[in-house]
Amino acid sequence: MLRYLYGDQLHQYPNLAGAMFRDRADQFKNRLGWEVQVDAQGQERDAYDAMNPLYVIWEEPDGSHGGSMRFLPTTGPVMVNDHFGDLISGPICSPLIWECTRFCLRRGVGSNVAAALMLGGGEIMQGFGIKHFVGVFDARMVRIYRMIGSSPDVLGSQGQGRDQISVGLWDFTDEAHAQISGRAGVTPEQSRFWFDSAMGVVHQHPWAKSA
């Protein structure tokens, strides 16, 4: 299932949160060789985790972490402006654009998990009235985005081949929603229910009588 948790809610799910940060360390430091900080517990965190971001987490049936992403509005500090400004024509700052970072997949998870995370991103877009996500991605993600059916518009790149780093801008059309939902194996109704439940929207069963 998809969970939507703000940073100050992670303590309610300590095992899930701990696994997320350990899987981030495994992916970004061990597999990709990024220069990231890993603490004594084997968890990868950075300054943006301290800004109460919104996390989308795929929780496996056994309660373990399958994958996750992190979101922050571009009206505040974000990675693309702070560290990758040379790839874009100017700072991105809009209440209608949020940054998506730390796209992480646990080793060995099914291909549906990446699609489910993108589906969760779409729910955030629709639920908060956001028009676009912006994010930095490397060359290996191009194939994954294409497979999911959610390729970004590239705003700028540097490097060549496997070393290429790009800044992309995503939207979320109805067509993309249907395609990503199918790849995730999650119905649009179920996806919306998870988001609304996390955000405190009360659902009434269709067979229940109105008061």
N, C-alpha and C. Protein backbone atom coordinates (compact mmCIF):
# COMPACT_ATOMS: atom_id res chain seq x y z
N MET A 1 0.83 -1.19 0.00
CA MET A 1 0.00 0.00 0.00
C MET A 1 0.86 1.24 0.00
N LEU A 2 0.28 2.37 -0.40
CA LEU A 2 0.97 3.65 -0.37
C LEU A 2 0.66 4.37 0.93
N ARG A 3 1.72 4.82 1.59
CA ARG A 3 1.57 5.66 2.78
C ARG A 3 2.09 7.06 2.46
N TYR A 4 1.40 8.04 3.00
CA TYR A 4 1.79 9.44 2.86
C TYR A 4 2.08 9.96 4.25
N LEU A 5 3.34 10.25 4.52
CA LEU A 5 3.75 10.65 5.87
C LEU A 5 4.64 11.89 5.80
N TYR A 6 4.31 12.88 6.62
CA TYR A 6 5.20 14.01 6.79
C TYR A 6 6.36 13.60 7.71
N GLY A 7 7.42 14.38 7.64
CA GLY A 7 8.59 14.05 8.44
C GLY A 7 8.28 13.91 9.92
N ASP A 8 7.40 14.76 10.43
CA ASP A 8 7.09 14.69 11.86
C ASP A 8 6.12 13.57 12.21
N GLN A 9 5.75 12.76 11.22
CA GLN A 9 4.91 11.58 11.47
C GLN A 9 5.71 10.28 11.39
N LEU A 10 6.95 10.34 10.97
CA LEU A 10 7.72 9.12 10.76
C LEU A 10 7.91 8.32 12.04
N HIS A 11 7.93 9.02 13.18
CA HIS A 11 8.14 8.30 14.45
C HIS A 11 6.99 7.33 14.76
N GLN A 12 5.85 7.55 14.11
CA GLN A 12 4.72 6.64 14.31
C GLN A 12 4.94 5.29 13.61
N TYR A 13 5.88 5.25 12.67
CA TYR A 13 6.19 4.04 11.92
C TYR A 13 7.71 3.84 11.94
N PRO A 14 8.30 3.58 13.11
CA PRO A 14 9.77 3.56 13.22
C PRO A 14 10.44 2.50 12.36
N ASN A 15 9.86 1.32 12.26
CA ASN A 15 10.48 0.27 11.46
C ASN A 15 10.46 0.61 9.97
N LEU A 16 9.32 1.12 9.51
CA LEU A 16 9.18 1.49 8.11
C LEU A 16 10.12 2.64 7.77
N ALA A 17 10.15 3.65 8.64
CA ALA A 17 11.01 4.81 8.39
C ALA A 17 12.48 4.42 8.42
N GLY A 18 12.87 3.62 9.41
CA GLY A 18 14.26 3.18 9.48
C GLY A 18 14.69 2.41 8.25
N ALA A 19 13.80 1.53 7.77
CA ALA A 19 14.11 0.76 6.57
C ALA A 19 14.24 1.67 5.35
N MET A 20 13.40 2.70 5.28
CA MET A 20 13.48 3.64 4.17
C MET A 20 14.85 4.31 4.13
N PHE A 21 15.32 4.81 5.26
CA PHE A 21 16.60 5.50 5.28
C PHE A 21 17.77 4.53 5.06
N ARG A 22 17.64 3.28 5.50
CA ARG A 22 18.70 2.29 5.23
C ARG A 22 18.72 1.91 3.75
N ASP A 23 17.53 1.76 3.15
CA ASP A 23 17.49 1.45 1.73
C ASP A 23 18.01 2.61 0.90
N ARG A 24 17.79 3.83 1.36
CA ARG A 24 18.38 4.98 0.68
C ARG A 24 19.90 4.92 0.72
N ALA A 25 20.46 4.56 1.86
CA ALA A 25 21.91 4.42 1.97
C ALA A 25 22.42 3.34 1.03
N ASP A 26 21.71 2.23 0.98
CA ASP A 26 22.12 1.13 0.11
C ASP A 26 22.08 1.55 -1.36
N GLN A 27 21.04 2.25 -1.74
CA GLN A 27 20.91 2.63 -3.14
C GLN A 27 21.88 3.74 -3.53
N PHE A 28 21.88 4.83 -2.78
CA PHE A 28 22.62 6.00 -3.21
C PHE A 28 24.12 5.91 -2.92
N LYS A 29 24.49 5.31 -1.80
CA LYS A 29 25.92 5.21 -1.48
C LYS A 29 26.53 3.91 -2.01
N ASN A 30 25.91 2.76 -1.68
CA ASN A 30 26.51 1.49 -2.03
C ASN A 30 26.39 1.17 -3.52
N ARG A 31 25.20 1.35 -4.08
CA ARG A 31 25.00 0.96 -5.48
C ARG A 31 25.41 2.04 -6.46
N LEU A 32 25.08 3.31 -6.14
CA LEU A 32 25.35 4.39 -7.10
C LEU A 32 26.63 5.16 -6.81
N GLY A 33 27.16 5.01 -5.61
CA GLY A 33 28.42 5.68 -5.28
C GLY A 33 28.31 7.17 -5.08
N TRP A 34 27.12 7.65 -4.71
CA TRP A 34 26.96 9.08 -4.47
C TRP A 34 27.67 9.47 -3.18
N GLU A 35 28.05 10.73 -3.09
CA GLU A 35 28.67 11.26 -1.87
C GLU A 35 27.57 11.72 -0.92
N VAL A 36 26.98 10.76 -0.21
CA VAL A 36 25.92 11.05 0.74
C VAL A 36 26.39 10.65 2.14
N GLN A 37 25.74 11.21 3.14
CA GLN A 37 26.10 10.94 4.52
C GLN A 37 25.27 9.78 5.08
N VAL A 38 25.95 8.80 5.63
CA VAL A 38 25.29 7.65 6.25
C VAL A 38 25.69 7.61 7.72
N ASP A 39 24.69 7.54 8.61
CA ASP A 39 24.98 7.60 10.04
C ASP A 39 25.35 6.23 10.59
N ALA A 40 25.56 6.17 11.91
CA ALA A 40 26.00 4.94 12.56
C ALA A 40 24.97 3.83 12.48
N GLN A 41 23.72 4.18 12.24
CA GLN A 41 22.65 3.18 12.09
C GLN A 41 22.50 2.72 10.64
N GLY A 42 23.39 3.21 9.77
CA GLY A 42 23.34 2.82 8.38
C GLY A 42 22.24 3.52 7.60
N GLN A 43 21.80 4.69 8.08
CA GLN A 43 20.71 5.41 7.44
C GLN A 43 21.24 6.65 6.73
N GLU A 44 20.68 6.93 5.54
CA GLU A 44 21.07 8.11 4.77
C GLU A 44 20.03 9.20 4.96
N ARG A 45 20.48 10.34 5.44
CA ARG A 45 19.63 11.52 5.60
C ARG A 45 20.41 12.74 5.15
N ASP A 46 19.67 13.79 4.78
CA ASP A 46 20.32 15.05 4.46
C ASP A 46 19.53 16.20 5.07
N ALA A 47 19.95 17.42 4.76
CA ALA A 47 19.33 18.59 5.39
C ALA A 47 17.85 18.72 5.06
N TYR A 48 17.43 18.21 3.91
CA TYR A 48 16.04 18.37 3.49
C TYR A 48 15.09 17.44 4.26
N ASP A 49 15.64 16.39 4.84
CA ASP A 49 14.81 15.52 5.69
C ASP A 49 14.42 16.22 6.99
N ALA A 50 15.15 17.28 7.34
CA ALA A 50 14.84 18.04 8.55
C ALA A 50 13.81 19.13 8.31
N MET A 51 13.30 19.25 7.07
CA MET A 51 12.37 20.33 6.72
C MET A 51 10.92 19.86 6.66
N ASN A 52 10.64 18.76 7.34
CA ASN A 52 9.29 18.21 7.40
C ASN A 52 8.69 17.97 6.01
N PRO A 53 9.42 17.26 5.15
CA PRO A 53 8.89 16.98 3.81
C PRO A 53 7.75 15.97 3.88
N LEU A 54 7.07 15.81 2.76
CA LEU A 54 6.06 14.77 2.62
C LEU A 54 6.70 13.58 1.91
N TYR A 55 6.60 12.41 2.52
CA TYR A 55 7.14 11.19 1.93
C TYR A 55 5.99 10.35 1.38
N VAL A 56 6.23 9.76 0.22
CA VAL A 56 5.35 8.71 -0.29
C VAL A 56 6.13 7.41 -0.16
N ILE A 57 5.56 6.45 0.55
CA ILE A 57 6.25 5.19 0.83
C ILE A 57 5.38 4.02 0.39
N TRP A 58 5.98 3.12 -0.40
CA TRP A 58 5.30 1.88 -0.72
C TRP A 58 5.62 0.87 0.38
N GLU A 59 4.58 0.46 1.10
CA GLU A 59 4.72 -0.51 2.18
C GLU A 59 4.30 -1.88 1.66
N GLU A 60 5.19 -2.84 1.74
CA GLU A 60 4.90 -4.20 1.28
C GLU A 60 3.89 -4.86 2.23
N PRO A 61 3.26 -5.95 1.79
CA PRO A 61 2.26 -6.62 2.65
C PRO A 61 2.80 -7.03 4.02
N ASP A 62 4.12 -7.29 4.11
CA ASP A 62 4.69 -7.68 5.41
C ASP A 62 5.10 -6.47 6.24
N GLY A 63 4.79 -5.27 5.77
CA GLY A 63 5.11 -4.06 6.52
C GLY A 63 6.47 -3.46 6.20
N SER A 64 7.23 -4.08 5.30
CA SER A 64 8.56 -3.59 4.98
C SER A 64 8.51 -2.48 3.92
N HIS A 65 9.62 -1.77 3.82
CA HIS A 65 9.76 -0.68 2.86
C HIS A 65 10.07 -1.23 1.48
N GLY A 66 9.26 -0.85 0.49
CA GLY A 66 9.52 -1.28 -0.88
C GLY A 66 10.12 -0.17 -1.73
N GLY A 67 9.76 1.06 -1.44
CA GLY A 67 10.28 2.20 -2.18
C GLY A 67 9.69 3.48 -1.63
N SER A 68 10.27 4.60 -2.01
CA SER A 68 9.81 5.87 -1.45
C SER A 68 10.30 7.05 -2.27
N MET A 69 9.65 8.19 -2.06
CA MET A 69 10.04 9.47 -2.63
C MET A 69 9.80 10.56 -1.59
N ARG A 70 10.42 11.73 -1.82
CA ARG A 70 10.32 12.85 -0.89
C ARG A 70 9.91 14.10 -1.65
N PHE A 71 9.00 14.88 -1.05
CA PHE A 71 8.46 16.07 -1.72
C PHE A 71 8.57 17.30 -0.83
N LEU A 72 8.95 18.41 -1.46
CA LEU A 72 8.98 19.72 -0.80
C LEU A 72 8.52 20.78 -1.79
N PRO A 73 7.79 21.79 -1.32
CA PRO A 73 7.40 22.89 -2.23
C PRO A 73 8.60 23.74 -2.61
N THR A 74 8.62 24.22 -3.83
CA THR A 74 9.75 25.03 -4.28
C THR A 74 9.72 26.46 -3.75
N THR A 75 8.72 26.80 -2.95
CA THR A 75 8.68 28.11 -2.31
C THR A 75 9.67 28.19 -1.16
N GLY A 76 10.24 27.05 -0.77
CA GLY A 76 11.27 27.01 0.26
C GLY A 76 12.55 26.41 -0.30
N PRO A 77 13.52 26.11 0.56
CA PRO A 77 14.77 25.51 0.09
C PRO A 77 14.52 24.16 -0.59
N VAL A 78 15.09 23.98 -1.75
CA VAL A 78 15.00 22.71 -2.47
C VAL A 78 16.33 22.42 -3.15
N MET A 79 16.57 21.16 -3.41
CA MET A 79 17.85 20.72 -3.94
C MET A 79 18.14 21.30 -5.33
N VAL A 80 17.11 21.38 -6.17
CA VAL A 80 17.35 21.82 -7.54
C VAL A 80 17.87 23.25 -7.60
N ASN A 81 17.40 24.11 -6.70
CA ASN A 81 17.89 25.49 -6.66
C ASN A 81 19.21 25.60 -5.91
N ASP A 82 19.34 24.83 -4.82
CA ASP A 82 20.50 24.97 -3.96
C ASP A 82 21.76 24.34 -4.54
N HIS A 83 21.59 23.25 -5.32
CA HIS A 83 22.76 22.49 -5.76
C HIS A 83 22.85 22.28 -7.28
N PHE A 84 21.76 22.51 -8.00
CA PHE A 84 21.78 22.25 -9.44
C PHE A 84 21.29 23.45 -10.25
N GLY A 85 21.47 24.65 -9.67
CA GLY A 85 21.01 25.85 -10.34
C GLY A 85 21.69 26.11 -11.67
N ASP A 86 22.90 25.55 -11.87
CA ASP A 86 23.61 25.76 -13.13
C ASP A 86 22.98 25.00 -14.29
N LEU A 87 22.03 24.09 -13.98
CA LEU A 87 21.37 23.32 -15.04
C LEU A 87 20.07 23.96 -15.51
N ILE A 88 19.64 25.01 -14.84
CA ILE A 88 18.38 25.66 -15.19
C ILE A 88 18.63 27.15 -15.39
N SER A 89 17.68 27.82 -16.04
CA SER A 89 17.88 29.23 -16.41
C SER A 89 17.70 30.19 -15.25
N GLY A 90 17.10 29.73 -14.18
CA GLY A 90 16.89 30.57 -13.00
C GLY A 90 16.20 29.77 -11.92
N PRO A 91 16.15 30.27 -10.69
CA PRO A 91 15.53 29.52 -9.61
C PRO A 91 14.07 29.18 -9.90
N ILE A 92 13.67 28.00 -9.49
CA ILE A 92 12.27 27.57 -9.63
C ILE A 92 11.59 27.81 -8.30
N CYS A 93 10.59 28.67 -8.30
CA CYS A 93 9.89 29.03 -7.06
C CYS A 93 8.44 29.30 -7.38
N SER A 94 7.57 28.34 -7.05
CA SER A 94 6.15 28.49 -7.34
C SER A 94 5.36 27.57 -6.41
N PRO A 95 4.23 28.05 -5.88
CA PRO A 95 3.38 27.17 -5.08
C PRO A 95 2.77 26.04 -5.91
N LEU A 96 2.85 26.15 -7.23
CA LEU A 96 2.28 25.13 -8.11
C LEU A 96 3.32 24.12 -8.57
N ILE A 97 4.56 24.25 -8.08
CA ILE A 97 5.63 23.32 -8.44
C ILE A 97 6.28 22.80 -7.16
N TRP A 98 6.31 21.50 -6.98
CA TRP A 98 6.99 20.86 -5.85
C TRP A 98 8.18 20.08 -6.37
N GLU A 99 9.19 19.94 -5.53
CA GLU A 99 10.35 19.13 -5.89
C GLU A 99 10.19 17.71 -5.37
N CYS A 100 10.55 16.76 -6.21
CA CYS A 100 10.56 15.35 -5.86
C CYS A 100 12.01 14.87 -5.84
N THR A 101 12.45 14.29 -4.73
CA THR A 101 13.81 13.79 -4.61
C THR A 101 13.83 12.44 -3.92
N ARG A 102 15.02 11.84 -3.89
CA ARG A 102 15.28 10.58 -3.20
C ARG A 102 14.32 9.46 -3.64
N PHE A 103 14.16 9.32 -4.96
CA PHE A 103 13.39 8.20 -5.52
C PHE A 103 14.19 6.94 -5.24
N CYS A 104 13.68 6.10 -4.36
CA CYS A 104 14.43 4.95 -3.86
C CYS A 104 13.61 3.67 -4.02
N LEU A 105 14.27 2.62 -4.50
CA LEU A 105 13.65 1.30 -4.60
C LEU A 105 14.52 0.30 -3.86
N ARG A 106 13.89 -0.47 -2.98
CA ARG A 106 14.62 -1.51 -2.27
C ARG A 106 15.11 -2.57 -3.25
N ARG A 107 16.23 -3.16 -2.96
CA ARG A 107 16.74 -4.22 -3.83
C ARG A 107 15.70 -5.32 -4.00
N GLY A 108 15.51 -5.73 -5.25
CA GLY A 108 14.69 -6.90 -5.52
C GLY A 108 13.20 -6.69 -5.54
N VAL A 109 12.70 -5.47 -5.40
CA VAL A 109 11.25 -5.26 -5.42
C VAL A 109 10.72 -5.42 -6.83
N GLY A 110 9.43 -5.67 -6.94
CA GLY A 110 8.80 -5.83 -8.24
C GLY A 110 8.75 -4.52 -9.01
N SER A 111 8.59 -4.64 -10.32
CA SER A 111 8.55 -3.45 -11.18
C SER A 111 7.33 -2.59 -10.90
N ASN A 112 6.33 -3.14 -10.23
CA ASN A 112 5.13 -2.37 -9.93
C ASN A 112 5.39 -1.27 -8.91
N VAL A 113 6.45 -1.42 -8.10
CA VAL A 113 6.68 -0.46 -7.01
C VAL A 113 7.04 0.92 -7.56
N ALA A 114 7.89 0.97 -8.57
CA ALA A 114 8.24 2.26 -9.17
C ALA A 114 7.00 2.95 -9.70
N ALA A 115 6.14 2.19 -10.37
CA ALA A 115 4.91 2.77 -10.90
C ALA A 115 3.99 3.23 -9.77
N ALA A 116 3.92 2.45 -8.69
CA ALA A 116 3.07 2.83 -7.57
C ALA A 116 3.53 4.15 -6.95
N LEU A 117 4.84 4.34 -6.86
CA LEU A 117 5.34 5.60 -6.32
C LEU A 117 4.97 6.78 -7.21
N MET A 118 5.08 6.59 -8.52
CA MET A 118 4.68 7.65 -9.44
C MET A 118 3.18 7.91 -9.35
N LEU A 119 2.41 6.85 -9.12
CA LEU A 119 0.97 7.02 -8.93
C LEU A 119 0.70 7.86 -7.68
N GLY A 120 1.48 7.59 -6.63
CA GLY A 120 1.35 8.40 -5.42
C GLY A 120 1.69 9.85 -5.67
N GLY A 121 2.71 10.09 -6.50
CA GLY A 121 3.03 11.47 -6.86
C GLY A 121 1.87 12.14 -7.58
N GLY A 122 1.19 11.38 -8.43
CA GLY A 122 0.03 11.92 -9.12
C GLY A 122 -1.09 12.29 -8.16
N GLU A 123 -1.27 11.49 -7.12
CA GLU A 123 -2.30 11.80 -6.13
C GLU A 123 -1.97 13.11 -5.40
N ILE A 124 -0.69 13.31 -5.11
CA ILE A 124 -0.27 14.57 -4.48
C ILE A 124 -0.57 15.74 -5.40
N MET A 125 -0.26 15.59 -6.67
CA MET A 125 -0.55 16.66 -7.63
C MET A 125 -2.02 17.03 -7.62
N GLN A 126 -2.86 16.02 -7.76
CA GLN A 126 -4.29 16.26 -7.82
C GLN A 126 -4.84 16.75 -6.49
N GLY A 127 -4.37 16.17 -5.40
CA GLY A 127 -4.90 16.51 -4.09
C GLY A 127 -4.53 17.90 -3.62
N PHE A 128 -3.33 18.38 -4.00
CA PHE A 128 -2.87 19.69 -3.56
C PHE A 128 -2.94 20.75 -4.66
N GLY A 129 -3.48 20.38 -5.82
CA GLY A 129 -3.60 21.35 -6.90
C GLY A 129 -2.27 21.78 -7.48
N ILE A 130 -1.31 20.86 -7.52
CA ILE A 130 0.02 21.14 -8.04
C ILE A 130 0.03 20.88 -9.55
N LYS A 131 0.72 21.72 -10.28
CA LYS A 131 0.77 21.57 -11.74
C LYS A 131 1.95 20.73 -12.21
N HIS A 132 3.09 20.85 -11.49
CA HIS A 132 4.30 20.16 -11.93
C HIS A 132 5.14 19.70 -10.74
N PHE A 133 5.92 18.65 -10.98
CA PHE A 133 7.02 18.27 -10.10
C PHE A 133 8.32 18.58 -10.84
N VAL A 134 9.33 18.99 -10.09
CA VAL A 134 10.65 19.16 -10.65
C VAL A 134 11.60 18.26 -9.87
N GLY A 135 12.58 17.73 -10.56
CA GLY A 135 13.52 16.86 -9.88
C GLY A 135 14.77 16.64 -10.69
N VAL A 136 15.82 16.21 -10.00
CA VAL A 136 17.09 15.88 -10.62
C VAL A 136 17.15 14.37 -10.78
N PHE A 137 17.58 13.90 -11.95
CA PHE A 137 17.67 12.46 -12.15
C PHE A 137 18.91 12.13 -12.97
N ASP A 138 19.38 10.88 -12.82
CA ASP A 138 20.54 10.44 -13.57
C ASP A 138 20.11 9.55 -14.74
N ALA A 139 21.07 9.14 -15.53
CA ALA A 139 20.78 8.45 -16.78
C ALA A 139 20.03 7.14 -16.57
N ARG A 140 20.30 6.45 -15.47
CA ARG A 140 19.65 5.14 -15.26
C ARG A 140 18.14 5.28 -15.11
N MET A 141 17.67 6.47 -14.69
CA MET A 141 16.24 6.65 -14.45
C MET A 141 15.45 6.87 -15.75
N VAL A 142 16.14 7.21 -16.83
CA VAL A 142 15.43 7.47 -18.09
C VAL A 142 14.63 6.25 -18.51
N ARG A 143 15.25 5.07 -18.44
CA ARG A 143 14.57 3.84 -18.83
C ARG A 143 13.40 3.55 -17.90
N ILE A 144 13.58 3.80 -16.60
CA ILE A 144 12.52 3.52 -15.63
C ILE A 144 11.33 4.43 -15.88
N TYR A 145 11.58 5.72 -16.08
CA TYR A 145 10.48 6.64 -16.35
C TYR A 145 9.74 6.27 -17.63
N ARG A 146 10.50 5.88 -18.65
CA ARG A 146 9.87 5.50 -19.91
C ARG A 146 9.01 4.24 -19.73
N MET A 147 9.52 3.28 -18.96
CA MET A 147 8.79 2.04 -18.72
C MET A 147 7.48 2.32 -17.97
N ILE A 148 7.54 3.22 -17.00
CA ILE A 148 6.35 3.55 -16.22
C ILE A 148 5.35 4.32 -17.06
N GLY A 149 5.85 5.14 -17.98
CA GLY A 149 4.98 6.00 -18.77
C GLY A 149 4.89 7.39 -18.20
N SER A 150 5.98 7.84 -17.54
CA SER A 150 5.98 9.16 -16.91
C SER A 150 7.34 9.83 -17.13
N SER A 151 7.66 10.09 -18.39
CA SER A 151 8.93 10.74 -18.71
C SER A 151 8.79 12.26 -18.56
N PRO A 152 9.82 12.92 -18.02
CA PRO A 152 9.73 14.37 -17.81
C PRO A 152 10.16 15.16 -19.03
N ASP A 153 9.83 16.46 -19.02
CA ASP A 153 10.43 17.41 -19.94
C ASP A 153 11.78 17.82 -19.33
N VAL A 154 12.84 17.69 -20.08
CA VAL A 154 14.18 17.97 -19.57
C VAL A 154 14.47 19.47 -19.68
N LEU A 155 14.80 20.08 -18.53
CA LEU A 155 15.09 21.51 -18.49
C LEU A 155 16.57 21.81 -18.71
N GLY A 156 17.42 20.84 -18.40
CA GLY A 156 18.85 21.05 -18.55
C GLY A 156 19.60 19.81 -18.13
N SER A 157 20.80 19.60 -18.70
CA SER A 157 21.60 18.41 -18.41
C SER A 157 23.08 18.78 -18.39
N GLN A 158 23.83 17.90 -17.74
CA GLN A 158 25.29 17.99 -17.81
C GLN A 158 25.86 16.58 -17.81
N GLY A 159 27.03 16.41 -18.42
CA GLY A 159 27.65 15.10 -18.49
C GLY A 159 27.16 14.31 -19.69
N GLN A 160 27.78 13.14 -19.88
CA GLN A 160 27.46 12.30 -21.02
C GLN A 160 27.23 10.86 -20.57
N GLY A 161 26.44 10.14 -21.35
CA GLY A 161 26.24 8.71 -21.11
C GLY A 161 25.71 8.42 -19.72
N ARG A 162 26.30 7.44 -19.07
CA ARG A 162 25.84 7.01 -17.74
C ARG A 162 26.06 8.07 -16.67
N ASP A 163 26.94 9.03 -16.95
CA ASP A 163 27.25 10.08 -15.97
C ASP A 163 26.37 11.32 -16.13
N GLN A 164 25.43 11.28 -17.04
CA GLN A 164 24.60 12.46 -17.29
C GLN A 164 23.62 12.71 -16.14
N ILE A 165 23.51 13.96 -15.74
CA ILE A 165 22.57 14.41 -14.72
C ILE A 165 21.65 15.44 -15.36
N SER A 166 20.36 15.31 -15.11
CA SER A 166 19.39 16.22 -15.73
C SER A 166 18.40 16.73 -14.70
N VAL A 167 17.80 17.87 -15.01
CA VAL A 167 16.67 18.40 -14.27
C VAL A 167 15.43 18.24 -15.14
N GLY A 168 14.39 17.63 -14.58
CA GLY A 168 13.18 17.39 -15.35
C GLY A 168 11.96 17.98 -14.70
N LEU A 169 10.94 18.18 -15.52
CA LEU A 169 9.66 18.73 -15.07
C LEU A 169 8.56 17.76 -15.50
N TRP A 170 7.76 17.33 -14.51
CA TRP A 170 6.70 16.36 -14.75
C TRP A 170 5.32 17.00 -14.62
N ASP A 171 4.39 16.56 -15.45
CA ASP A 171 2.98 16.83 -15.19
C ASP A 171 2.29 15.48 -15.04
N PHE A 172 0.97 15.47 -14.95
CA PHE A 172 0.26 14.21 -14.69
C PHE A 172 -1.09 14.28 -15.39
N THR A 173 -1.13 13.76 -16.60
CA THR A 173 -2.35 13.78 -17.39
C THR A 173 -3.25 12.61 -17.03
N ASP A 174 -4.51 12.68 -17.45
CA ASP A 174 -5.42 11.57 -17.22
C ASP A 174 -4.93 10.31 -17.93
N GLU A 175 -4.35 10.49 -19.10
CA GLU A 175 -3.81 9.34 -19.84
C GLU A 175 -2.67 8.68 -19.07
N ALA A 176 -1.76 9.51 -18.54
CA ALA A 176 -0.66 8.98 -17.76
C ALA A 176 -1.16 8.29 -16.51
N HIS A 177 -2.19 8.87 -15.88
CA HIS A 177 -2.77 8.28 -14.67
C HIS A 177 -3.23 6.86 -14.94
N ALA A 178 -3.95 6.67 -16.03
CA ALA A 178 -4.48 5.35 -16.36
C ALA A 178 -3.36 4.36 -16.64
N GLN A 179 -2.34 4.80 -17.38
CA GLN A 179 -1.23 3.92 -17.72
C GLN A 179 -0.43 3.53 -16.49
N ILE A 180 -0.12 4.50 -15.65
CA ILE A 180 0.68 4.24 -14.45
C ILE A 180 -0.10 3.36 -13.48
N SER A 181 -1.39 3.62 -13.35
CA SER A 181 -2.23 2.79 -12.48
C SER A 181 -2.19 1.33 -12.91
N GLY A 182 -2.27 1.09 -14.23
CA GLY A 182 -2.22 -0.27 -14.73
C GLY A 182 -0.89 -0.94 -14.44
N ARG A 183 0.20 -0.22 -14.61
CA ARG A 183 1.53 -0.80 -14.35
C ARG A 183 1.74 -1.05 -12.86
N ALA A 184 1.14 -0.22 -12.03
CA ALA A 184 1.28 -0.38 -10.58
C ALA A 184 0.42 -1.53 -10.05
N GLY A 185 -0.62 -1.90 -10.81
CA GLY A 185 -1.54 -2.91 -10.32
C GLY A 185 -2.42 -2.39 -9.21
N VAL A 186 -2.67 -1.08 -9.22
CA VAL A 186 -3.49 -0.42 -8.20
C VAL A 186 -4.60 0.35 -8.92
N THR A 187 -5.83 0.12 -8.54
CA THR A 187 -6.93 0.84 -9.19
C THR A 187 -6.90 2.31 -8.79
N PRO A 188 -7.38 3.20 -9.66
CA PRO A 188 -7.45 4.62 -9.30
C PRO A 188 -8.26 4.84 -8.02
N GLU A 189 -9.30 4.06 -7.82
CA GLU A 189 -10.13 4.22 -6.62
C GLU A 189 -9.35 3.87 -5.35
N GLN A 190 -8.58 2.77 -5.42
CA GLN A 190 -7.78 2.38 -4.25
C GLN A 190 -6.71 3.41 -3.97
N SER A 191 -6.07 3.89 -5.04
CA SER A 191 -5.02 4.89 -4.88
C SER A 191 -5.56 6.16 -4.24
N ARG A 192 -6.70 6.61 -4.69
CA ARG A 192 -7.31 7.82 -4.12
C ARG A 192 -7.72 7.60 -2.67
N PHE A 193 -8.19 6.41 -2.36
CA PHE A 193 -8.59 6.10 -0.98
C PHE A 193 -7.40 6.20 -0.04
N TRP A 194 -6.24 5.65 -0.44
CA TRP A 194 -5.05 5.73 0.40
C TRP A 194 -4.65 7.18 0.65
N PHE A 195 -4.69 7.99 -0.41
CA PHE A 195 -4.30 9.39 -0.25
C PHE A 195 -5.29 10.14 0.64
N ASP A 196 -6.57 9.99 0.35
CA ASP A 196 -7.58 10.71 1.13
C ASP A 196 -7.56 10.28 2.58
N SER A 197 -7.36 9.00 2.84
CA SER A 197 -7.31 8.51 4.23
C SER A 197 -6.13 9.12 4.97
N ALA A 198 -4.99 9.23 4.30
CA ALA A 198 -3.81 9.82 4.93
C ALA A 198 -4.01 11.30 5.22
N MET A 199 -4.77 11.97 4.37
CA MET A 199 -4.97 13.41 4.51
C MET A 199 -6.21 13.76 5.33
N GLY A 200 -6.86 12.74 5.87
CA GLY A 200 -7.98 13.00 6.76
C GLY A 200 -9.31 13.21 6.09
N VAL A 201 -9.41 12.81 4.82
CA VAL A 201 -10.69 12.91 4.11
C VAL A 201 -11.54 11.70 4.47
N VAL A 202 -12.75 11.95 4.94
CA VAL A 202 -13.63 10.86 5.38
C VAL A 202 -14.36 10.29 4.17
N HIS A 203 -14.25 8.98 4.01
CA HIS A 203 -14.96 8.30 2.93
C HIS A 203 -16.21 7.63 3.48
N GLN A 204 -17.26 7.69 2.71
CA GLN A 204 -18.50 7.00 3.06
C GLN A 204 -18.71 5.86 2.08
N HIS A 205 -19.01 4.69 2.62
CA HIS A 205 -19.27 3.56 1.73
C HIS A 205 -20.45 3.88 0.82
N PRO A 206 -20.38 3.47 -0.43
CA PRO A 206 -21.43 3.83 -1.38
C PRO A 206 -22.80 3.30 -1.00
N TRP A 207 -22.81 2.27 -0.15
CA TRP A 207 -24.11 1.73 0.23
C TRP A 207 -24.66 2.33 1.52
N ALA A 208 -23.87 3.21 2.14
CA ALA A 208 -24.31 3.82 3.39
C ALA A 208 -25.33 4.92 3.10
N LYS A 209 -26.34 5.04 3.94
CA LYS A 209 -27.33 6.07 3.78
C LYS A 209 -26.81 7.40 4.32
N SER A 210 -27.11 8.46 3.60
CA SER A 210 -26.68 9.76 4.08
C SER A 210 -27.52 10.16 5.29
N ALA A 211 -26.90 10.94 6.17
CA ALA A 211 -27.58 11.35 7.40
C ALA A 211 -28.69 12.34 7.08
